[in-house]
Amino acid sequence: MAVFMGAFPVLPGKEDEARKFAQETLDRIDEFEASERRSGITKEEWALQQTPMGSMVVVRFEADDVAGAFDGFAQSNEPFDLWFKQRVKEVSGVDLGEPMPGPLPEIIFDWSS
């Protein structure tokens, strides 16, 4: 199982909108779970992180094929996926309907007991 960990910016003043988006996603959990299955994602976590450079949403998810999960989701025209991509763009300015710019984040430390 591969892991993705990345930080998405939160546009200035959109911290409450990020929290609202998380709650909206939980309210649509059946659709979210179906989307995750289509993308091959088995677990996903979000954290709102305040930094000196502004707020970020730190996302961690597990999938057999992280790049494939992004590519499949980017190409999806399922109604929930279109809604989700629009909400991400409103909160972060990131367009998940486009290929990820640059390489995926590199995990440089991984420990478990």
C-alpha atoms as a PDB file:
ATOM      1  CA  MET A   1       0.000   0.000   0.000  1.00  0.00           C
ATOM      2  CA  ALA A   2       1.371   3.405  -0.983  1.00  0.00           C
ATOM      3  CA  VAL A   3       0.791   6.609   0.960  1.00  0.00           C
ATOM      4  CA  PHE A   4       0.211  10.178  -0.192  1.00  0.00           C
ATOM      5  CA  MET A   5       0.893  13.051   2.199  1.00  0.00           C
ATOM      6  CA  GLY A   6       0.599  16.574   0.899  1.00  0.00           C
ATOM      7  CA  ALA A   7      -0.347  20.071   1.950  1.00  0.00           C
ATOM      8  CA  PHE A   8      -2.947  22.069   0.060  1.00  0.00           C
ATOM      9  CA  PRO A   9      -3.105  25.818   0.636  1.00  0.00           C
ATOM     10  CA  VAL A  10      -6.191  27.371   2.160  1.00  0.00           C
ATOM     11  CA  LEU A  11      -6.989  30.672   0.496  1.00  0.00           C
ATOM     12  CA  PRO A  12      -6.799  33.628   2.902  1.00  0.00           C
ATOM     13  CA  GLY A  13      -9.871  33.802   5.127  1.00  0.00           C
ATOM     14  CA  LYS A  14     -11.207  30.408   3.979  1.00  0.00           C
ATOM     15  CA  GLU A  15     -10.384  28.375   7.135  1.00  0.00           C
ATOM     16  CA  ASP A  16     -14.058  28.178   8.166  1.00  0.00           C
ATOM     17  CA  GLU A  17     -14.946  27.238   4.585  1.00  0.00           C
ATOM     18  CA  ALA A  18     -12.406  24.375   4.796  1.00  0.00           C
ATOM     19  CA  ARG A  19     -14.100  23.131   7.980  1.00  0.00           C
ATOM     20  CA  LYS A  20     -17.512  23.484   6.313  1.00  0.00           C
ATOM     21  CA  PHE A  21     -16.275  21.501   3.287  1.00  0.00           C
ATOM     22  CA  ALA A  22     -15.060  18.715   5.587  1.00  0.00           C
ATOM     23  CA  GLN A  23     -18.490  18.587   7.264  1.00  0.00           C
ATOM     24  CA  GLU A  24     -20.287  18.648   3.893  1.00  0.00           C
ATOM     25  CA  THR A  25     -18.138  15.710   2.805  1.00  0.00           C
ATOM     26  CA  LEU A  26     -19.023  13.814   5.992  1.00  0.00           C
ATOM     27  CA  ASP A  27     -22.691  14.606   5.333  1.00  0.00           C
ATOM     28  CA  ARG A  28     -22.265  12.930   1.928  1.00  0.00           C
ATOM     29  CA  ILE A  29     -20.219  10.022   3.266  1.00  0.00           C
ATOM     30  CA  ASP A  30     -21.846   7.360   1.066  1.00  0.00           C
ATOM     31  CA  GLU A  31     -20.931   9.313  -2.071  1.00  0.00           C
ATOM     32  CA  PHE A  32     -17.446  10.021  -0.709  1.00  0.00           C
ATOM     33  CA  GLU A  33     -16.862   6.332   0.002  1.00  0.00           C
ATOM     34  CA  ALA A  34     -18.000   5.403  -3.522  1.00  0.00           C
ATOM     35  CA  SER A  35     -15.597   7.993  -4.936  1.00  0.00           C
ATOM     36  CA  GLU A  36     -12.759   6.638  -2.809  1.00  0.00           C
ATOM     37  CA  ARG A  37     -13.472   3.088  -4.017  1.00  0.00           C
ATOM     38  CA  ARG A  38     -13.419   4.262  -7.656  1.00  0.00           C
ATOM     39  CA  SER A  39     -10.022   5.865  -7.012  1.00  0.00           C
ATOM     40  CA  GLY A  40      -8.653   2.866  -5.097  1.00  0.00           C
ATOM     41  CA  ILE A  41      -8.232   4.861  -1.873  1.00  0.00           C
ATOM     42  CA  THR A  42      -8.675   2.828   1.318  1.00  0.00           C
ATOM     43  CA  LYS A  43      -8.100   5.505   3.993  1.00  0.00           C
ATOM     44  CA  GLU A  44      -8.007   9.311   3.977  1.00  0.00           C
ATOM     45  CA  GLU A  45      -7.344  11.942   6.639  1.00  0.00           C
ATOM     46  CA  TRP A  46      -7.364  15.746   6.550  1.00  0.00           C
ATOM     47  CA  ALA A  47      -5.872  18.165   9.069  1.00  0.00           C
ATOM     48  CA  LEU A  48      -6.136  21.952   9.092  1.00  0.00           C
ATOM     49  CA  GLN A  49      -2.650  23.310   9.880  1.00  0.00           C
ATOM     50  CA  GLN A  50      -1.860  26.939  10.688  1.00  0.00           C
ATOM     51  CA  THR A  51       1.603  27.955   9.458  1.00  0.00           C
ATOM     52  CA  PRO A  52       3.548  31.225   9.209  1.00  0.00           C
ATOM     53  CA  MET A  53       2.912  31.010   5.451  1.00  0.00           C
ATOM     54  CA  GLY A  54      -0.855  30.689   5.897  1.00  0.00           C
ATOM     55  CA  SER A  55      -3.241  27.849   6.556  1.00  0.00           C
ATOM     56  CA  MET A  56      -2.933  24.475   4.850  1.00  0.00           C
ATOM     57  CA  VAL A  57      -4.996  21.322   4.705  1.00  0.00           C
ATOM     58  CA  VAL A  58      -2.651  18.375   5.168  1.00  0.00           C
ATOM     59  CA  VAL A  59      -4.035  15.313   3.385  1.00  0.00           C
ATOM     60  CA  ARG A  60      -2.926  11.731   3.907  1.00  0.00           C
ATOM     61  CA  PHE A  61      -4.384   8.832   1.990  1.00  0.00           C
ATOM     62  CA  GLU A  62      -3.535   5.227   1.243  1.00  0.00           C
ATOM     63  CA  ALA A  63      -3.931   3.554  -2.146  1.00  0.00           C
ATOM     64  CA  ASP A  64      -2.189   0.864  -4.144  1.00  0.00           C
ATOM     65  CA  ASP A  65      -1.486   3.441  -6.876  1.00  0.00           C
ATOM     66  CA  VAL A  66      -1.334   7.058  -5.644  1.00  0.00           C
ATOM     67  CA  ALA A  67      -0.652   8.579  -9.070  1.00  0.00           C
ATOM     68  CA  GLY A  68      -3.430   6.458 -10.569  1.00  0.00           C
ATOM     69  CA  ALA A  69      -5.822   7.642  -7.847  1.00  0.00           C
ATOM     70  CA  PHE A  70      -5.112  11.279  -8.760  1.00  0.00           C
ATOM     71  CA  ASP A  71      -5.375  10.606 -12.496  1.00  0.00           C
ATOM     72  CA  GLY A  72      -8.642   8.675 -12.219  1.00  0.00           C
ATOM     73  CA  PHE A  73     -10.189  11.312  -9.965  1.00  0.00           C
ATOM     74  CA  ALA A  74      -9.043  14.147 -12.250  1.00  0.00           C
ATOM     75  CA  GLN A  75     -10.799  12.503 -15.199  1.00  0.00           C
ATOM     76  CA  SER A  76     -13.987  11.570 -13.340  1.00  0.00           C
ATOM     77  CA  ASN A  77     -17.254  13.200 -14.353  1.00  0.00           C
ATOM     78  CA  GLU A  78     -19.273  11.595 -11.564  1.00  0.00           C
ATOM     79  CA  PRO A  79     -21.536  14.238  -9.951  1.00  0.00           C
ATOM     80  CA  PHE A  80     -19.981  13.893  -6.486  1.00  0.00           C
ATOM     81  CA  ASP A  81     -16.449  14.057  -7.870  1.00  0.00           C
ATOM     82  CA  LEU A  82     -17.287  17.216  -9.840  1.00  0.00           C
ATOM     83  CA  TRP A  83     -18.776  18.780  -6.689  1.00  0.00           C
ATOM     84  CA  PHE A  84     -15.708  17.748  -4.643  1.00  0.00           C
ATOM     85  CA  LYS A  85     -13.256  19.163  -7.185  1.00  0.00           C
ATOM     86  CA  GLN A  86     -15.191  22.441  -7.278  1.00  0.00           C
ATOM     87  CA  ARG A  87     -15.177  22.720  -3.458  1.00  0.00           C
ATOM     88  CA  VAL A  88     -11.409  22.015  -3.312  1.00  0.00           C
ATOM     89  CA  LYS A  89     -10.831  24.756  -5.883  1.00  0.00           C
ATOM     90  CA  GLU A  90     -13.022  27.222  -3.932  1.00  0.00           C
ATOM     91  CA  VAL A  91     -11.147  26.572  -0.675  1.00  0.00           C
ATOM     92  CA  SER A  92      -7.593  26.117  -1.958  1.00  0.00           C
ATOM     93  CA  GLY A  93      -7.361  27.332  -5.518  1.00  0.00           C
ATOM     94  CA  VAL A  94      -6.070  23.867  -6.484  1.00  0.00           C
ATOM     95  CA  ASP A  95      -7.750  22.301  -9.523  1.00  0.00           C
ATOM     96  CA  LEU A  96      -7.888  18.532  -8.978  1.00  0.00           C
ATOM     97  CA  GLY A  97      -9.318  18.213 -12.483  1.00  0.00           C
ATOM     98  CA  GLU A  98      -5.862  19.018 -13.864  1.00  0.00           C
ATOM     99  CA  PRO A  99      -2.711  16.881 -13.656  1.00  0.00           C
ATOM    100  CA  MET A 100      -0.728  17.471 -10.468  1.00  0.00           C
ATOM    101  CA  PRO A 101       2.023  20.030 -11.157  1.00  0.00           C
ATOM    102  CA  GLY A 102       5.399  18.530 -10.444  1.00  0.00           C
ATOM    103  CA  PRO A 103       6.170  15.262  -8.719  1.00  0.00           C
ATOM    104  CA  LEU A 104       4.137  13.821  -5.856  1.00  0.00           C
ATOM    105  CA  PRO A 105       5.468  14.618  -2.367  1.00  0.00           C
ATOM    106  CA  GLU A 106       8.427  12.496  -1.328  1.00  0.00           C
ATOM    107  CA  ILE A 107       8.106  10.683   1.987  1.00  0.00           C
ATOM    108  CA  ILE A 108      11.516  11.031   3.625  1.00  0.00           C
ATOM    109  CA  PHE A 109      10.784   9.364   6.989  1.00  0.00           C
ATOM    110  CA  ASP A 110       8.487   6.475   7.862  1.00  0.00           C
ATOM    111  CA  TRP A 111       8.501   4.680  11.225  1.00  0.00           C
ATOM    112  CA  SER A 112       6.204   2.152  12.880  1.00  0.00           C
ATOM    113  CA  SER A 113       6.566  -0.176  15.824  1.00  0.00           C
END
